[in-house]
């Protein structure tokens, strides 16, 4: 059976939604602890303009700059209010009916597992960078999946051509890129990237994936 391995951020859900969830949680926390109201919308506008969003919270709440470290940990450890789209839920259900499905994602263990829990995906095998001391494009976790599920075909679906596809391409996996809809955290610009960094093909929605893998 084919093993379909999925990236998490900006592949299964919009990472911008996680960012907004974290800022709303921080602003509520600041209000409860310090009695200071900070408008999450103002912080997100500042972040979209390229400003340091946690530094902006400190500034708006008149907190010392050193408080930023505490805000960062709250951001990383908050229980995110994120969800799968109906189309993504449908695509995942169809994939799980026919294939072995796993997650391979970069990030901190607690943060990524809190995301998986919020999305209802904690039952899937998850290969998280902090748990393996290895980040993309290093091949370690891809090789581990091949050991865990030997003798299968392998597919990796991601969104970031800067790092997502280099290792699986080198291991002769089938690689599929998911085009963003203008909200992706990382650029999908392919200019100046070598062919070895690019996916075998691009799709526009995850709904295309089950039929593509027939």
C-alpha atoms as a PDB file:
ATOM      1  CA  UNK A   1       0.000   0.000   0.000  1.00  0.00           C
ATOM      2  CA  UNK A   2       1.151   3.539  -0.731  1.00  0.00           C
ATOM      3  CA  UNK A   3       2.106   5.752   2.215  1.00  0.00           C
ATOM      4  CA  UNK A   4       0.850   9.320   1.823  1.00  0.00           C
ATOM      5  CA  UNK A   5       2.835  11.713   4.013  1.00  0.00           C
ATOM      6  CA  UNK A   6       1.462  15.210   4.516  1.00  0.00           C
ATOM      7  CA  UNK A   7       3.026  18.434   5.669  1.00  0.00           C
ATOM      8  CA  UNK A   8       0.949  20.249   8.301  1.00  0.00           C
ATOM      9  CA  UNK A   9       1.298  24.050   8.233  1.00  0.00           C
ATOM     10  CA  UNK A  10      -0.204  25.646   5.110  1.00  0.00           C
ATOM     11  CA  UNK A  11      -0.945  22.192   3.727  1.00  0.00           C
ATOM     12  CA  UNK A  12      -3.712  20.824   5.957  1.00  0.00           C
ATOM     13  CA  UNK A  13      -4.785  24.188   7.355  1.00  0.00           C
ATOM     14  CA  UNK A  14      -3.778  27.848   7.003  1.00  0.00           C
ATOM     15  CA  UNK A  15      -0.862  28.783   9.249  1.00  0.00           C
ATOM     16  CA  UNK A  16      -2.185  32.357   9.234  1.00  0.00           C
ATOM     17  CA  UNK A  17      -5.153  31.019  11.224  1.00  0.00           C
ATOM     18  CA  UNK A  18      -2.754  29.636  13.835  1.00  0.00           C
ATOM     19  CA  UNK A  19      -0.981  32.978  14.030  1.00  0.00           C
ATOM     20  CA  UNK A  20      -4.298  34.773  14.567  1.00  0.00           C
ATOM     21  CA  UNK A  21      -5.317  32.226  17.205  1.00  0.00           C
ATOM     22  CA  UNK A  22      -2.052  32.732  19.072  1.00  0.00           C
ATOM     23  CA  UNK A  23      -2.332  36.518  19.045  1.00  0.00           C
ATOM     24  CA  UNK A  24      -5.927  36.411  20.294  1.00  0.00           C
ATOM     25  CA  UNK A  25      -4.858  34.060  23.086  1.00  0.00           C
ATOM     26  CA  UNK A  26      -1.943  36.320  24.061  1.00  0.00           C
ATOM     27  CA  UNK A  27      -4.150  39.420  24.110  1.00  0.00           C
ATOM     28  CA  UNK A  28      -6.679  37.664  26.350  1.00  0.00           C
ATOM     29  CA  UNK A  29      -3.855  36.530  28.632  1.00  0.00           C
ATOM     30  CA  UNK A  30      -2.389  40.047  28.858  1.00  0.00           C
ATOM     31  CA  UNK A  31      -5.828  41.426  29.691  1.00  0.00           C
ATOM     32  CA  UNK A  32      -6.350  38.831  32.440  1.00  0.00           C
ATOM     33  CA  UNK A  33      -2.881  39.224  33.966  1.00  0.00           C
ATOM     34  CA  UNK A  34      -2.237  42.932  33.576  1.00  0.00           C
ATOM     35  CA  UNK A  35      -5.679  44.438  33.116  1.00  0.00           C
ATOM     36  CA  UNK A  36      -4.564  45.979  29.819  1.00  0.00           C
ATOM     37  CA  UNK A  37      -6.632  45.676  26.658  1.00  0.00           C
ATOM     38  CA  UNK A  38      -4.673  45.041  23.457  1.00  0.00           C
ATOM     39  CA  UNK A  39      -6.624  44.714  20.221  1.00  0.00           C
ATOM     40  CA  UNK A  40      -5.600  41.487  18.470  1.00  0.00           C
ATOM     41  CA  UNK A  41      -6.650  42.961  15.125  1.00  0.00           C
ATOM     42  CA  UNK A  42      -4.154  45.814  15.547  1.00  0.00           C
ATOM     43  CA  UNK A  43      -1.390  43.333  16.325  1.00  0.00           C
ATOM     44  CA  UNK A  44      -2.210  41.274  13.240  1.00  0.00           C
ATOM     45  CA  UNK A  45      -2.178  44.380  11.056  1.00  0.00           C
ATOM     46  CA  UNK A  46       1.285  45.185  12.408  1.00  0.00           C
ATOM     47  CA  UNK A  47       2.420  41.615  11.755  1.00  0.00           C
ATOM     48  CA  UNK A  48       1.151  41.789   8.159  1.00  0.00           C
ATOM     49  CA  UNK A  49       3.298  44.903   7.730  1.00  0.00           C
ATOM     50  CA  UNK A  50       6.364  42.905   8.740  1.00  0.00           C
ATOM     51  CA  UNK A  51       6.593  44.064  12.357  1.00  0.00           C
ATOM     52  CA  UNK A  52       7.476  41.773  15.256  1.00  0.00           C
ATOM     53  CA  UNK A  53       4.018  40.903  16.570  1.00  0.00           C
ATOM     54  CA  UNK A  54       5.156  40.033  20.092  1.00  0.00           C
ATOM     55  CA  UNK A  55       7.182  43.221  20.366  1.00  0.00           C
ATOM     56  CA  UNK A  56       4.049  45.065  19.250  1.00  0.00           C
ATOM     57  CA  UNK A  57       2.024  43.456  22.050  1.00  0.00           C
ATOM     58  CA  UNK A  58       4.656  44.581  24.553  1.00  0.00           C
ATOM     59  CA  UNK A  59       4.561  48.106  23.152  1.00  0.00           C
ATOM     60  CA  UNK A  60       0.759  48.322  23.102  1.00  0.00           C
ATOM     61  CA  UNK A  61       0.479  46.934  26.645  1.00  0.00           C
ATOM     62  CA  UNK A  62       3.398  49.036  27.986  1.00  0.00           C
ATOM     63  CA  UNK A  63       5.198  45.873  29.022  1.00  0.00           C
ATOM     64  CA  UNK A  64       9.003  45.671  29.190  1.00  0.00           C
ATOM     65  CA  UNK A  65      10.678  44.208  26.133  1.00  0.00           C
ATOM     66  CA  UNK A  66      11.857  41.286  28.262  1.00  0.00           C
ATOM     67  CA  UNK A  67       8.213  40.147  28.578  1.00  0.00           C
ATOM     68  CA  UNK A  68       8.371  39.081  24.951  1.00  0.00           C
ATOM     69  CA  UNK A  69       9.933  35.748  25.958  1.00  0.00           C
ATOM     70  CA  UNK A  70       6.945  34.917  28.163  1.00  0.00           C
ATOM     71  CA  UNK A  71       4.551  35.895  25.377  1.00  0.00           C
ATOM     72  CA  UNK A  72       6.455  33.654  22.977  1.00  0.00           C
ATOM     73  CA  UNK A  73       6.052  30.622  25.216  1.00  0.00           C
ATOM     74  CA  UNK A  74       2.372  31.356  25.662  1.00  0.00           C
ATOM     75  CA  UNK A  75       2.048  31.519  21.868  1.00  0.00           C
ATOM     76  CA  UNK A  76       3.828  28.197  21.432  1.00  0.00           C
ATOM     77  CA  UNK A  77       1.829  26.421  24.148  1.00  0.00           C
ATOM     78  CA  UNK A  78      -1.648  27.831  23.617  1.00  0.00           C
ATOM     79  CA  UNK A  79      -4.437  25.487  22.503  1.00  0.00           C
ATOM     80  CA  UNK A  80      -5.067  26.771  18.984  1.00  0.00           C
ATOM     81  CA  UNK A  81      -8.477  27.517  17.573  1.00  0.00           C
ATOM     82  CA  UNK A  82      -7.934  26.111  14.108  1.00  0.00           C
ATOM     83  CA  UNK A  83      -9.890  23.625  12.034  1.00  0.00           C
ATOM     84  CA  UNK A  84      -9.802  21.618   8.852  1.00  0.00           C
ATOM     85  CA  UNK A  85     -11.915  22.870   5.983  1.00  0.00           C
ATOM     86  CA  UNK A  86     -14.765  20.624   4.884  1.00  0.00           C
ATOM     87  CA  UNK A  87     -12.885  19.928   1.640  1.00  0.00           C
ATOM     88  CA  UNK A  88      -9.756  18.892   3.542  1.00  0.00           C
ATOM     89  CA  UNK A  89     -11.737  16.624   5.891  1.00  0.00           C
ATOM     90  CA  UNK A  90     -13.313  14.937   2.897  1.00  0.00           C
ATOM     91  CA  UNK A  91      -9.980  14.485   1.127  1.00  0.00           C
ATOM     92  CA  UNK A  92      -8.363  13.030   4.266  1.00  0.00           C
ATOM     93  CA  UNK A  93     -11.226  10.605   4.793  1.00  0.00           C
ATOM     94  CA  UNK A  94     -10.866   9.328   1.243  1.00  0.00           C
ATOM     95  CA  UNK A  95      -7.101   9.051   1.563  1.00  0.00           C
ATOM     96  CA  UNK A  96      -7.342   7.111   4.829  1.00  0.00           C
ATOM     97  CA  UNK A  97      -9.777   4.674   3.237  1.00  0.00           C
ATOM     98  CA  UNK A  98      -7.171   3.668   0.661  1.00  0.00           C
ATOM     99  CA  UNK A  99      -3.706   4.550   1.941  1.00  0.00           C
ATOM    100  CA  UNK A 100      -1.519   4.719   5.024  1.00  0.00           C
ATOM    101  CA  UNK A 101      -1.468   8.421   5.998  1.00  0.00           C
ATOM    102  CA  UNK A 102       1.161  10.145   8.167  1.00  0.00           C
ATOM    103  CA  UNK A 103       2.265  13.685   9.021  1.00  0.00           C
ATOM    104  CA  UNK A 104       5.803  15.058   8.648  1.00  0.00           C
ATOM    105  CA  UNK A 105       6.208  18.613   9.884  1.00  0.00           C
ATOM    106  CA  UNK A 106       8.829  21.004  11.207  1.00  0.00           C
ATOM    107  CA  UNK A 107       8.271  22.681  14.553  1.00  0.00           C
ATOM    108  CA  UNK A 108       8.322  22.206  18.297  1.00  0.00           C
ATOM    109  CA  UNK A 109       6.821  18.991  19.587  1.00  0.00           C
ATOM    110  CA  UNK A 110       4.262  20.590  21.920  1.00  0.00           C
ATOM    111  CA  UNK A 111       3.138  23.225  19.420  1.00  0.00           C
ATOM    112  CA  UNK A 112       2.721  20.800  16.547  1.00  0.00           C
ATOM    113  CA  UNK A 113       0.930  18.201  18.659  1.00  0.00           C
ATOM    114  CA  UNK A 114      -1.449  20.846  20.008  1.00  0.00           C
ATOM    115  CA  UNK A 115      -2.234  21.727  16.383  1.00  0.00           C
ATOM    116  CA  UNK A 116      -2.844  18.081  15.521  1.00  0.00           C
ATOM    117  CA  UNK A 117      -5.143  17.721  18.529  1.00  0.00           C
ATOM    118  CA  UNK A 118      -7.108  20.833  17.569  1.00  0.00           C
ATOM    119  CA  UNK A 119      -7.485  19.492  14.027  1.00  0.00           C
ATOM    120  CA  UNK A 120      -8.548  16.028  15.204  1.00  0.00           C
ATOM    121  CA  UNK A 121      -5.480  14.412  13.650  1.00  0.00           C
ATOM    122  CA  UNK A 122      -3.674  13.198  16.762  1.00  0.00           C
ATOM    123  CA  UNK A 123      -4.367   9.580  15.756  1.00  0.00           C
ATOM    124  CA  UNK A 124      -2.081   9.817  12.716  1.00  0.00           C
ATOM    125  CA  UNK A 125       1.620   8.893  12.911  1.00  0.00           C
ATOM    126  CA  UNK A 126       3.480  12.194  13.263  1.00  0.00           C
ATOM    127  CA  UNK A 127       7.150  12.860  12.505  1.00  0.00           C
ATOM    128  CA  UNK A 128       7.912  16.221  14.123  1.00  0.00           C
ATOM    129  CA  UNK A 129      11.302  17.848  13.698  1.00  0.00           C
ATOM    130  CA  UNK A 130      12.019  18.572  17.373  1.00  0.00           C
ATOM    131  CA  UNK A 131      11.361  14.937  18.288  1.00  0.00           C
ATOM    132  CA  UNK A 132      14.002  13.778  15.809  1.00  0.00           C
ATOM    133  CA  UNK A 133      16.438  16.695  16.079  1.00  0.00           C
ATOM    134  CA  UNK A 134      16.164  16.986  12.311  1.00  0.00           C
ATOM    135  CA  UNK A 135      14.558  19.622  10.101  1.00  0.00           C
ATOM    136  CA  UNK A 136      13.733  19.658   6.390  1.00  0.00           C
ATOM    137  CA  UNK A 137      15.506  19.297   4.014  1.00  0.00           C
ATOM    138  CA  UNK A 138      17.406  16.702   6.069  1.00  0.00           C
ATOM    139  CA  UNK A 139      16.334  13.180   5.049  1.00  0.00           C
ATOM    140  CA  UNK A 140      16.296  11.502   8.477  1.00  0.00           C
ATOM    141  CA  UNK A 141      12.528  11.472   9.057  1.00  0.00           C
ATOM    142  CA  UNK A 142      11.745  10.444   5.491  1.00  0.00           C
ATOM    143  CA  UNK A 143      14.150   7.534   5.874  1.00  0.00           C
ATOM    144  CA  UNK A 144      12.526   6.668   9.203  1.00  0.00           C
ATOM    145  CA  UNK A 145       9.125   6.463   7.518  1.00  0.00           C
ATOM    146  CA  UNK A 146      10.585   4.081   4.951  1.00  0.00           C
ATOM    147  CA  UNK A 147      11.834   1.879   7.800  1.00  0.00           C
ATOM    148  CA  UNK A 148       8.531   2.100   9.677  1.00  0.00           C
ATOM    149  CA  UNK A 149       6.504   1.262   6.556  1.00  0.00           C
ATOM    150  CA  UNK A 150       8.824  -0.909   4.436  1.00  0.00           C
ATOM    151  CA  UNK A 151       8.058  -2.045   0.932  1.00  0.00           C
ATOM    152  CA  UNK A 152       5.526   0.660   0.139  1.00  0.00           C
ATOM    153  CA  UNK A 153       5.368   3.464  -2.377  1.00  0.00           C
ATOM    154  CA  UNK A 154       5.765   6.921  -0.845  1.00  0.00           C
ATOM    155  CA  UNK A 155       4.182  10.284  -1.576  1.00  0.00           C
ATOM    156  CA  UNK A 156       4.954  13.594   0.116  1.00  0.00           C
ATOM    157  CA  UNK A 157       2.578  16.547  -0.100  1.00  0.00           C
ATOM    158  CA  UNK A 158       3.826  19.962   1.005  1.00  0.00           C
ATOM    159  CA  UNK A 159       3.711  23.640   0.167  1.00  0.00           C
ATOM    160  CA  UNK A 160       7.200  25.120   0.532  1.00  0.00           C
ATOM    161  CA  UNK A 161       9.569  24.539  -2.405  1.00  0.00           C
ATOM    162  CA  UNK A 162      12.456  25.998  -0.426  1.00  0.00           C
ATOM    163  CA  UNK A 163      12.714  22.853   1.705  1.00  0.00           C
ATOM    164  CA  UNK A 164       9.782  20.439   1.503  1.00  0.00           C
ATOM    165  CA  UNK A 165      10.672  18.339  -1.534  1.00  0.00           C
ATOM    166  CA  UNK A 166      14.466  18.081  -1.556  1.00  0.00           C
ATOM    167  CA  UNK A 167      14.773  14.988   0.639  1.00  0.00           C
ATOM    168  CA  UNK A 168      11.817  13.003  -0.731  1.00  0.00           C
ATOM    169  CA  UNK A 169      12.936  13.765  -4.292  1.00  0.00           C
ATOM    170  CA  UNK A 170      16.380  12.399  -3.486  1.00  0.00           C
ATOM    171  CA  UNK A 171      14.749   9.254  -2.078  1.00  0.00           C
ATOM    172  CA  UNK A 172      12.655   8.792  -5.237  1.00  0.00           C
ATOM    173  CA  UNK A 173       9.369   9.567  -3.552  1.00  0.00           C
ATOM    174  CA  UNK A 174       6.520  11.064  -5.540  1.00  0.00           C
ATOM    175  CA  UNK A 175       6.259  14.713  -4.514  1.00  0.00           C
ATOM    176  CA  UNK A 176       3.213  16.933  -4.836  1.00  0.00           C
ATOM    177  CA  UNK A 177       3.023  20.646  -4.086  1.00  0.00           C
ATOM    178  CA  UNK A 178      -0.161  22.340  -2.889  1.00  0.00           C
ATOM    179  CA  UNK A 179      -0.610  25.831  -4.283  1.00  0.00           C
ATOM    180  CA  UNK A 180      -1.558  28.504  -1.766  1.00  0.00           C
ATOM    181  CA  UNK A 181      -4.430  30.938  -2.001  1.00  0.00           C
ATOM    182  CA  UNK A 182      -2.495  34.063  -1.068  1.00  0.00           C
ATOM    183  CA  UNK A 183      -2.261  33.471   2.691  1.00  0.00           C
ATOM    184  CA  UNK A 184       0.774  31.182   2.905  1.00  0.00           C
ATOM    185  CA  UNK A 185       3.451  32.103   5.410  1.00  0.00           C
ATOM    186  CA  UNK A 186       6.274  30.988   3.092  1.00  0.00           C
ATOM    187  CA  UNK A 187       6.763  32.029  -0.507  1.00  0.00           C
ATOM    188  CA  UNK A 188       6.101  29.515  -3.264  1.00  0.00           C
ATOM    189  CA  UNK A 189       8.299  31.354  -5.744  1.00  0.00           C
ATOM    190  CA  UNK A 190      10.277  28.842  -7.800  1.00  0.00           C
ATOM    191  CA  UNK A 191      12.728  31.342  -9.293  1.00  0.00           C
ATOM    192  CA  UNK A 192      16.347  30.248  -8.979  1.00  0.00           C
ATOM    193  CA  UNK A 193      15.430  26.952  -7.309  1.00  0.00           C
ATOM    194  CA  UNK A 194      17.028  23.800  -8.729  1.00  0.00           C
ATOM    195  CA  UNK A 195      14.782  21.142 -10.229  1.00  0.00           C
ATOM    196  CA  UNK A 196      15.683  18.876  -7.308  1.00  0.00           C
ATOM    197  CA  UNK A 197      13.840  21.265  -4.967  1.00  0.00           C
ATOM    198  CA  UNK A 198      10.580  21.283  -6.909  1.00  0.00           C
ATOM    199  CA  UNK A 199       7.699  18.837  -6.592  1.00  0.00           C
ATOM    200  CA  UNK A 200       6.910  16.420  -9.393  1.00  0.00           C
ATOM    201  CA  UNK A 201       3.635  18.285  -9.837  1.00  0.00           C
ATOM    202  CA  UNK A 202       1.406  20.941  -8.279  1.00  0.00           C
ATOM    203  CA  UNK A 203      -2.245  20.731  -7.273  1.00  0.00           C
ATOM    204  CA  UNK A 204      -4.605  23.534  -6.270  1.00  0.00           C
ATOM    205  CA  UNK A 205      -6.674  21.716  -3.655  1.00  0.00           C
ATOM    206  CA  UNK A 206      -6.272  18.578  -1.564  1.00  0.00           C
ATOM    207  CA  UNK A 207      -9.508  17.327  -3.099  1.00  0.00           C
ATOM    208  CA  UNK A 208      -7.502  16.540  -6.220  1.00  0.00           C
ATOM    209  CA  UNK A 209      -5.170  14.204  -4.325  1.00  0.00           C
ATOM    210  CA  UNK A 210      -7.244  10.999  -3.919  1.00  0.00           C
ATOM    211  CA  UNK A 211      -8.024  10.826  -7.646  1.00  0.00           C
ATOM    212  CA  UNK A 212      -4.450  11.740  -8.547  1.00  0.00           C
ATOM    213  CA  UNK A 213      -3.161   8.753  -6.587  1.00  0.00           C
ATOM    214  CA  UNK A 214      -5.445   6.192  -8.205  1.00  0.00           C
END
